[in-house]
Amino acid sequence: MKSSAKIMYGLATFLLIVTTIYFVSTAHLADNGNIQGIEWAGGTGLVLATGLCLMLGVYFHFTERQMDLLPEDWEQAEIEDGTGMLGFFSPGSVWPAVMSGSVAVLGFGIVYMHYWLIAFGAMLLIWSSTMLNLQYGIPKEKH
């Protein structure tokens, strides 16, 4: 079994124990010894979290069987065995700063409820995000 499935099964087991302890500790006993009431909000959340971890564990258990050996599952693996290409990041692009400025203009328009500022900030955001995405697709002489 691979490491991700083990982690999810372990979390589901832990949450099942915590859920049981939670239901037992929040149960109010009446004078005659019968259970009067249980606190359901936290218990429902814990039951749902347990089910989610169990579903993820089963999913990882079945899907990781079909995969090759991962670096996390190899005893002699080094850190660089799990690294890969993170992507290309532009070293000197101005467009992320312009985009954050347009988000600020849009945010100020929303905060002060000036519709003209909201429209202007939305247009700036569309323009700056388009330019950010197309900065290497436009020929050099067009920059």
N, C-alpha and C. Protein backbone atom coordinates (compact mmCIF):
# COMPACT_ATOMS: atom_id res chain seq x y z
N MET A 1 0.85 -1.17 0.00
CA MET A 1 0.00 0.00 0.00
C MET A 1 0.90 1.23 0.00
N LYS A 2 0.49 2.22 -0.75
CA LYS A 2 1.30 3.43 -0.90
C LYS A 2 1.08 4.37 0.28
N SER A 3 1.93 5.39 0.35
CA SER A 3 1.94 6.26 1.53
C SER A 3 0.69 7.13 1.66
N SER A 4 0.12 7.60 0.57
CA SER A 4 -1.05 8.47 0.65
C SER A 4 -2.26 7.72 1.22
N ALA A 5 -2.44 6.48 0.80
CA ALA A 5 -3.56 5.68 1.33
C ALA A 5 -3.35 5.40 2.81
N LYS A 6 -2.11 5.14 3.22
CA LYS A 6 -1.82 4.89 4.63
C LYS A 6 -2.13 6.12 5.48
N ILE A 7 -1.78 7.29 4.96
CA ILE A 7 -2.04 8.53 5.70
C ILE A 7 -3.54 8.74 5.86
N MET A 8 -4.30 8.53 4.78
CA MET A 8 -5.75 8.74 4.86
C MET A 8 -6.42 7.71 5.76
N TYR A 9 -5.99 6.46 5.72
CA TYR A 9 -6.54 5.45 6.62
C TYR A 9 -6.21 5.78 8.07
N GLY A 10 -5.00 6.27 8.30
CA GLY A 10 -4.62 6.67 9.66
C GLY A 10 -5.45 7.84 10.17
N LEU A 11 -5.68 8.82 9.30
CA LEU A 11 -6.52 9.96 9.69
C LEU A 11 -7.96 9.52 9.96
N ALA A 12 -8.47 8.61 9.13
CA ALA A 12 -9.84 8.12 9.34
C ALA A 12 -9.95 7.38 10.66
N THR A 13 -8.94 6.58 11.00
CA THR A 13 -8.94 5.87 12.28
C THR A 13 -8.90 6.85 13.45
N PHE A 14 -8.03 7.84 13.35
CA PHE A 14 -7.93 8.85 14.40
C PHE A 14 -9.25 9.60 14.57
N LEU A 15 -9.85 10.01 13.45
CA LEU A 15 -11.11 10.74 13.53
C LEU A 15 -12.24 9.88 14.05
N LEU A 16 -12.22 8.58 13.76
CA LEU A 16 -13.24 7.68 14.30
C LEU A 16 -13.13 7.59 15.82
N ILE A 17 -11.90 7.51 16.32
CA ILE A 17 -11.69 7.47 17.77
C ILE A 17 -12.13 8.79 18.41
N VAL A 18 -11.75 9.91 17.78
CA VAL A 18 -12.13 11.22 18.32
C VAL A 18 -13.65 11.40 18.27
N THR A 19 -14.30 10.92 17.22
CA THR A 19 -15.75 11.02 17.11
C THR A 19 -16.44 10.24 18.22
N THR A 20 -15.95 9.04 18.49
CA THR A 20 -16.52 8.23 19.56
C THR A 20 -16.35 8.92 20.91
N ILE A 21 -15.16 9.44 21.17
CA ILE A 21 -14.90 10.15 22.43
C ILE A 21 -15.79 11.39 22.52
N TYR A 22 -15.97 12.09 21.41
CA TYR A 22 -16.78 13.30 21.39
C TYR A 22 -18.24 13.00 21.72
N PHE A 23 -18.80 11.96 21.10
CA PHE A 23 -20.19 11.62 21.38
C PHE A 23 -20.38 11.16 22.82
N VAL A 24 -19.41 10.41 23.34
CA VAL A 24 -19.53 9.93 24.73
C VAL A 24 -19.40 11.10 25.71
N SER A 25 -18.46 12.00 25.43
CA SER A 25 -18.22 13.09 26.39
C SER A 25 -19.27 14.19 26.33
N THR A 26 -19.98 14.33 25.21
CA THR A 26 -20.99 15.39 25.14
C THR A 26 -22.39 14.89 25.44
N ALA A 27 -22.55 13.61 25.71
CA ALA A 27 -23.88 13.08 26.03
C ALA A 27 -24.27 13.53 27.44
N HIS A 28 -25.46 14.06 27.55
CA HIS A 28 -25.97 14.51 28.84
C HIS A 28 -26.83 13.40 29.44
N LEU A 29 -26.51 13.01 30.63
CA LEU A 29 -27.28 11.97 31.29
C LEU A 29 -28.40 12.59 32.11
N ALA A 30 -29.56 12.00 32.02
CA ALA A 30 -30.69 12.46 32.83
C ALA A 30 -30.56 11.87 34.23
N ASP A 31 -31.47 12.25 35.11
CA ASP A 31 -31.42 11.78 36.50
C ASP A 31 -31.61 10.27 36.59
N ASN A 32 -32.34 9.69 35.66
CA ASN A 32 -32.58 8.25 35.74
C ASN A 32 -31.49 7.44 35.04
N GLY A 33 -30.46 8.06 34.50
CA GLY A 33 -29.35 7.36 33.89
C GLY A 33 -29.46 7.20 32.39
N ASN A 34 -30.55 7.62 31.79
CA ASN A 34 -30.71 7.53 30.33
C ASN A 34 -30.05 8.72 29.66
N ILE A 35 -29.65 8.54 28.41
CA ILE A 35 -29.05 9.63 27.65
C ILE A 35 -30.14 10.62 27.27
N GLN A 36 -29.94 11.86 27.69
CA GLN A 36 -30.95 12.90 27.44
C GLN A 36 -30.72 13.57 26.10
N GLY A 37 -29.51 13.93 25.79
CA GLY A 37 -29.24 14.63 24.53
C GLY A 37 -27.78 14.55 24.16
N ILE A 38 -27.51 14.65 22.89
CA ILE A 38 -26.16 14.61 22.36
C ILE A 38 -25.95 15.89 21.56
N GLU A 39 -24.76 16.44 21.61
CA GLU A 39 -24.44 17.63 20.84
C GLU A 39 -24.16 17.18 19.41
N TRP A 40 -25.05 17.54 18.47
CA TRP A 40 -25.01 16.98 17.13
C TRP A 40 -24.17 17.78 16.14
N ALA A 41 -23.93 19.04 16.36
CA ALA A 41 -23.24 19.85 15.35
C ALA A 41 -21.80 19.41 15.16
N GLY A 42 -21.07 19.33 16.26
CA GLY A 42 -19.68 18.89 16.16
C GLY A 42 -19.56 17.43 15.78
N GLY A 43 -20.49 16.60 16.29
CA GLY A 43 -20.47 15.18 15.97
C GLY A 43 -20.71 14.92 14.49
N THR A 44 -21.63 15.69 13.91
CA THR A 44 -21.89 15.54 12.48
C THR A 44 -20.67 15.92 11.67
N GLY A 45 -20.00 16.99 12.06
CA GLY A 45 -18.77 17.39 11.36
C GLY A 45 -17.69 16.34 11.46
N LEU A 46 -17.54 15.75 12.64
CA LEU A 46 -16.52 14.71 12.81
C LEU A 46 -16.87 13.45 12.02
N VAL A 47 -18.14 13.09 11.97
CA VAL A 47 -18.54 11.91 11.19
C VAL A 47 -18.28 12.16 9.70
N LEU A 48 -18.61 13.35 9.22
CA LEU A 48 -18.37 13.66 7.81
C LEU A 48 -16.88 13.71 7.49
N ALA A 49 -16.06 14.24 8.40
CA ALA A 49 -14.62 14.27 8.18
C ALA A 49 -14.05 12.85 8.16
N THR A 50 -14.57 11.99 9.03
CA THR A 50 -14.13 10.59 9.04
C THR A 50 -14.48 9.92 7.72
N GLY A 51 -15.70 10.14 7.25
CA GLY A 51 -16.11 9.55 5.98
C GLY A 51 -15.30 10.06 4.81
N LEU A 52 -14.97 11.35 4.82
CA LEU A 52 -14.16 11.92 3.74
C LEU A 52 -12.77 11.31 3.72
N CYS A 53 -12.13 11.19 4.88
CA CYS A 53 -10.81 10.57 4.93
C CYS A 53 -10.85 9.11 4.51
N LEU A 54 -11.90 8.42 4.88
CA LEU A 54 -12.04 7.02 4.49
C LEU A 54 -12.25 6.90 2.98
N MET A 55 -13.07 7.78 2.40
CA MET A 55 -13.27 7.75 0.94
C MET A 55 -11.98 8.06 0.19
N LEU A 56 -11.22 9.04 0.67
CA LEU A 56 -9.95 9.35 0.02
C LEU A 56 -8.96 8.20 0.16
N GLY A 57 -8.96 7.54 1.32
CA GLY A 57 -8.07 6.40 1.51
C GLY A 57 -8.39 5.27 0.56
N VAL A 58 -9.68 4.98 0.38
CA VAL A 58 -10.08 3.93 -0.56
C VAL A 58 -9.72 4.33 -1.99
N TYR A 59 -9.95 5.60 -2.34
CA TYR A 59 -9.61 6.07 -3.68
C TYR A 59 -8.10 5.94 -3.94
N PHE A 60 -7.29 6.42 -3.00
CA PHE A 60 -5.84 6.29 -3.16
C PHE A 60 -5.40 4.83 -3.19
N HIS A 61 -6.05 3.99 -2.40
CA HIS A 61 -5.70 2.58 -2.36
C HIS A 61 -5.88 1.93 -3.73
N PHE A 62 -6.99 2.25 -4.41
CA PHE A 62 -7.25 1.63 -5.71
C PHE A 62 -6.47 2.28 -6.84
N THR A 63 -6.28 3.59 -6.80
CA THR A 63 -5.59 4.25 -7.91
C THR A 63 -4.07 4.11 -7.82
N GLU A 64 -3.52 4.05 -6.62
CA GLU A 64 -2.07 3.94 -6.50
C GLU A 64 -1.57 2.53 -6.80
N ARG A 65 -2.47 1.55 -6.82
CA ARG A 65 -2.07 0.22 -7.20
C ARG A 65 -1.67 0.16 -8.67
N GLN A 66 -2.25 1.02 -9.48
CA GLN A 66 -1.98 1.01 -10.91
C GLN A 66 -0.80 1.91 -11.29
N MET A 67 -0.27 2.65 -10.34
CA MET A 67 0.83 3.57 -10.63
C MET A 67 2.17 2.89 -10.38
N ASP A 68 3.21 3.48 -10.96
CA ASP A 68 4.56 3.00 -10.70
C ASP A 68 4.99 3.40 -9.30
N LEU A 69 6.15 2.95 -8.92
CA LEU A 69 6.68 3.27 -7.59
C LEU A 69 7.04 4.76 -7.52
N LEU A 70 6.49 5.44 -6.54
CA LEU A 70 6.75 6.87 -6.35
C LEU A 70 7.99 7.06 -5.48
N PRO A 71 8.63 8.22 -5.56
CA PRO A 71 9.80 8.45 -4.71
C PRO A 71 9.47 8.41 -3.22
N GLU A 72 8.22 8.72 -2.84
CA GLU A 72 7.84 8.68 -1.43
C GLU A 72 7.82 7.26 -0.88
N ASP A 73 7.63 6.29 -1.77
CA ASP A 73 7.53 4.90 -1.36
C ASP A 73 8.85 4.15 -1.47
N TRP A 74 9.87 4.80 -1.94
CA TRP A 74 11.17 4.15 -2.14
C TRP A 74 12.06 4.46 -0.95
N GLU A 75 12.63 3.45 -0.37
CA GLU A 75 13.43 3.62 0.85
C GLU A 75 14.69 4.46 0.62
N GLN A 76 15.36 4.29 -0.50
CA GLN A 76 16.63 4.98 -0.76
C GLN A 76 16.44 6.24 -1.59
N ALA A 77 15.26 6.81 -1.61
CA ALA A 77 15.00 7.99 -2.44
C ALA A 77 15.66 9.22 -1.84
N GLU A 78 16.12 10.08 -2.71
CA GLU A 78 16.67 11.37 -2.33
C GLU A 78 15.61 12.45 -2.58
N ILE A 79 15.83 13.62 -2.04
CA ILE A 79 14.86 14.71 -2.19
C ILE A 79 14.71 15.09 -3.66
N GLU A 80 15.79 15.12 -4.39
CA GLU A 80 15.71 15.55 -5.79
C GLU A 80 15.03 14.53 -6.69
N ASP A 81 14.78 13.31 -6.19
CA ASP A 81 14.04 12.32 -6.99
C ASP A 81 12.57 12.72 -7.16
N GLY A 82 12.02 13.44 -6.20
CA GLY A 82 10.63 13.85 -6.28
C GLY A 82 10.41 15.20 -6.92
N THR A 83 11.48 15.90 -7.25
CA THR A 83 11.32 17.22 -7.84
C THR A 83 11.04 17.11 -9.32
N GLY A 84 10.42 18.10 -9.83
CA GLY A 84 10.11 18.12 -11.26
C GLY A 84 10.12 19.55 -11.76
N MET A 85 9.66 19.73 -12.96
CA MET A 85 9.59 21.05 -13.55
C MET A 85 8.45 21.82 -12.90
N LEU A 86 8.75 22.95 -12.31
CA LEU A 86 7.73 23.76 -11.66
C LEU A 86 7.06 24.72 -12.61
N GLY A 87 7.69 24.99 -13.72
CA GLY A 87 7.11 25.91 -14.68
C GLY A 87 8.07 27.05 -14.98
N PHE A 88 7.67 27.90 -15.88
CA PHE A 88 8.48 29.05 -16.25
C PHE A 88 7.91 30.29 -15.59
N PHE A 89 8.75 31.00 -14.88
CA PHE A 89 8.33 32.23 -14.22
C PHE A 89 9.12 33.38 -14.81
N SER A 90 8.41 34.38 -15.26
CA SER A 90 9.04 35.52 -15.90
C SER A 90 9.87 36.29 -14.88
N PRO A 91 11.14 36.56 -15.18
CA PRO A 91 11.99 37.22 -14.19
C PRO A 91 11.71 38.70 -14.01
N GLY A 92 11.25 39.38 -15.03
CA GLY A 92 11.08 40.83 -14.89
C GLY A 92 9.78 41.33 -15.46
N SER A 93 8.70 40.66 -15.20
CA SER A 93 7.42 41.06 -15.76
C SER A 93 6.75 42.11 -14.88
N VAL A 94 6.17 43.12 -15.51
CA VAL A 94 5.48 44.17 -14.79
C VAL A 94 4.01 43.83 -14.60
N TRP A 95 3.50 42.83 -15.32
CA TRP A 95 2.07 42.56 -15.34
C TRP A 95 1.50 42.03 -14.04
N PRO A 96 2.22 41.26 -13.23
CA PRO A 96 1.63 40.91 -11.93
C PRO A 96 1.38 42.13 -11.04
N ALA A 97 2.25 43.11 -11.08
CA ALA A 97 2.05 44.33 -10.29
C ALA A 97 0.87 45.13 -10.83
N VAL A 98 0.74 45.22 -12.15
CA VAL A 98 -0.39 45.93 -12.75
C VAL A 98 -1.69 45.21 -12.41
N MET A 99 -1.65 43.89 -12.44
CA MET A 99 -2.84 43.11 -12.12
C MET A 99 -3.26 43.30 -10.67
N SER A 100 -2.30 43.31 -9.75
CA SER A 100 -2.66 43.53 -8.35
C SER A 100 -3.17 44.95 -8.13
N GLY A 101 -2.66 45.92 -8.87
CA GLY A 101 -3.20 47.28 -8.79
C GLY A 101 -4.62 47.35 -9.29
N SER A 102 -4.94 46.60 -10.36
CA SER A 102 -6.31 46.60 -10.84
C SER A 102 -7.25 45.88 -9.90
N VAL A 103 -6.75 44.87 -9.19
CA VAL A 103 -7.58 44.23 -8.16
C VAL A 103 -7.85 45.21 -7.02
N ALA A 104 -6.85 46.03 -6.69
CA ALA A 104 -7.04 47.04 -5.65
C ALA A 104 -8.07 48.08 -6.08
N VAL A 105 -8.00 48.52 -7.33
CA VAL A 105 -8.99 49.50 -7.82
C VAL A 105 -10.38 48.89 -7.80
N LEU A 106 -10.51 47.64 -8.23
CA LEU A 106 -11.80 46.97 -8.19
C LEU A 106 -12.29 46.80 -6.76
N GLY A 107 -11.39 46.47 -5.85
CA GLY A 107 -11.77 46.32 -4.45
C GLY A 107 -12.22 47.64 -3.83
N PHE A 108 -11.52 48.74 -4.15
CA PHE A 108 -11.94 50.04 -3.64
C PHE A 108 -13.31 50.43 -4.20
N GLY A 109 -13.57 50.07 -5.45
CA GLY A 109 -14.87 50.35 -6.03
C GLY A 109 -15.98 49.58 -5.32
N ILE A 110 -15.68 48.32 -4.96
CA ILE A 110 -16.67 47.53 -4.24
C ILE A 110 -16.87 48.04 -2.82
N VAL A 111 -15.78 48.42 -2.16
CA VAL A 111 -15.88 48.89 -0.78
C VAL A 111 -16.69 50.18 -0.70
N TYR A 112 -16.43 51.12 -1.60
CA TYR A 112 -17.11 52.41 -1.54
C TYR A 112 -18.37 52.46 -2.41
N MET A 113 -18.70 51.35 -3.08
CA MET A 113 -19.90 51.22 -3.92
C MET A 113 -20.00 52.34 -4.96
N HIS A 114 -18.88 52.60 -5.63
CA HIS A 114 -18.87 53.50 -6.77
C HIS A 114 -18.87 52.63 -8.02
N TYR A 115 -20.00 52.64 -8.72
CA TYR A 115 -20.16 51.74 -9.85
C TYR A 115 -19.19 52.05 -10.98
N TRP A 116 -18.85 53.31 -11.17
CA TRP A 116 -17.90 53.67 -12.21
C TRP A 116 -16.52 53.11 -11.89
N LEU A 117 -16.16 53.07 -10.57
CA LEU A 117 -14.86 52.54 -10.18
C LEU A 117 -14.84 51.02 -10.28
N ILE A 118 -15.98 50.40 -10.02
CA ILE A 118 -16.08 48.95 -10.20
C ILE A 118 -15.91 48.59 -11.68
N ALA A 119 -16.57 49.32 -12.55
CA ALA A 119 -16.46 49.05 -13.99
C ALA A 119 -15.04 49.31 -14.48
N PHE A 120 -14.42 50.40 -14.02
CA PHE A 120 -13.06 50.71 -14.42
C PHE A 120 -12.08 49.65 -13.90
N GLY A 121 -12.25 49.23 -12.66
CA GLY A 121 -11.38 48.19 -12.10
C GLY A 121 -11.55 46.86 -12.80
N ALA A 122 -12.79 46.52 -13.18
CA ALA A 122 -13.03 45.27 -13.92
C ALA A 122 -12.37 45.32 -15.29
N MET A 123 -12.48 46.47 -15.97
CA MET A 123 -11.82 46.60 -17.28
C MET A 123 -10.30 46.52 -17.13
N LEU A 124 -9.76 47.18 -16.11
CA LEU A 124 -8.32 47.10 -15.86
C LEU A 124 -7.87 45.67 -15.57
N LEU A 125 -8.67 44.94 -14.78
CA LEU A 125 -8.32 43.57 -14.44
C LEU A 125 -8.36 42.67 -15.67
N ILE A 126 -9.35 42.84 -16.51
CA ILE A 126 -9.42 42.04 -17.74
C ILE A 126 -8.24 42.35 -18.65
N TRP A 127 -7.93 43.63 -18.79
CA TRP A 127 -6.81 44.03 -19.65
C TRP A 127 -5.48 43.52 -19.10
N SER A 128 -5.25 43.68 -17.78
CA SER A 128 -3.95 43.27 -17.22
C SER A 128 -3.79 41.75 -17.21
N SER A 129 -4.87 41.01 -16.96
CA SER A 129 -4.74 39.55 -16.99
C SER A 129 -4.54 39.05 -18.41
N THR A 130 -5.15 39.72 -19.40
CA THR A 130 -4.90 39.36 -20.79
C THR A 130 -3.45 39.63 -21.16
N MET A 131 -2.93 40.76 -20.76
CA MET A 131 -1.54 41.08 -21.07
C MET A 131 -0.57 40.16 -20.35
N LEU A 132 -0.92 39.74 -19.14
CA LEU A 132 -0.08 38.80 -18.41
C LEU A 132 -0.02 37.46 -19.14
N ASN A 133 -1.15 37.01 -19.66
CA ASN A 133 -1.17 35.73 -20.36
C ASN A 133 -0.54 35.80 -21.74
N LEU A 134 -0.57 36.95 -22.37
CA LEU A 134 -0.06 37.08 -23.73
C LEU A 134 1.33 37.73 -23.80
N GLN A 135 2.01 37.91 -22.70
CA GLN A 135 3.26 38.66 -22.75
C GLN A 135 4.35 37.96 -23.55
N TYR A 136 4.30 36.65 -23.68
CA TYR A 136 5.28 35.96 -24.50
C TYR A 136 4.69 35.47 -25.81
N GLY A 137 3.40 35.72 -26.04
CA GLY A 137 2.78 35.33 -27.29
C GLY A 137 2.75 36.45 -28.31
N ILE A 138 2.99 37.68 -27.86
CA ILE A 138 3.00 38.84 -28.76
C ILE A 138 4.42 38.99 -29.28
N PRO A 139 4.58 39.27 -30.57
CA PRO A 139 5.93 39.45 -31.09
C PRO A 139 6.68 40.56 -30.37
N LYS A 140 8.00 40.47 -30.39
CA LYS A 140 8.86 41.40 -29.60
C LYS A 140 8.67 42.85 -29.99
N GLU A 141 8.45 43.14 -31.27
CA GLU A 141 8.31 44.52 -31.69
C GLU A 141 7.01 45.15 -31.24
N LYS A 142 6.06 44.36 -30.77
CA LYS A 142 4.78 44.88 -30.31
C LYS A 142 4.81 45.25 -28.83
N HIS A 143 5.88 44.92 -28.13
CA HIS A 143 5.95 45.21 -26.69
C HIS A 143 6.14 46.67 -26.46
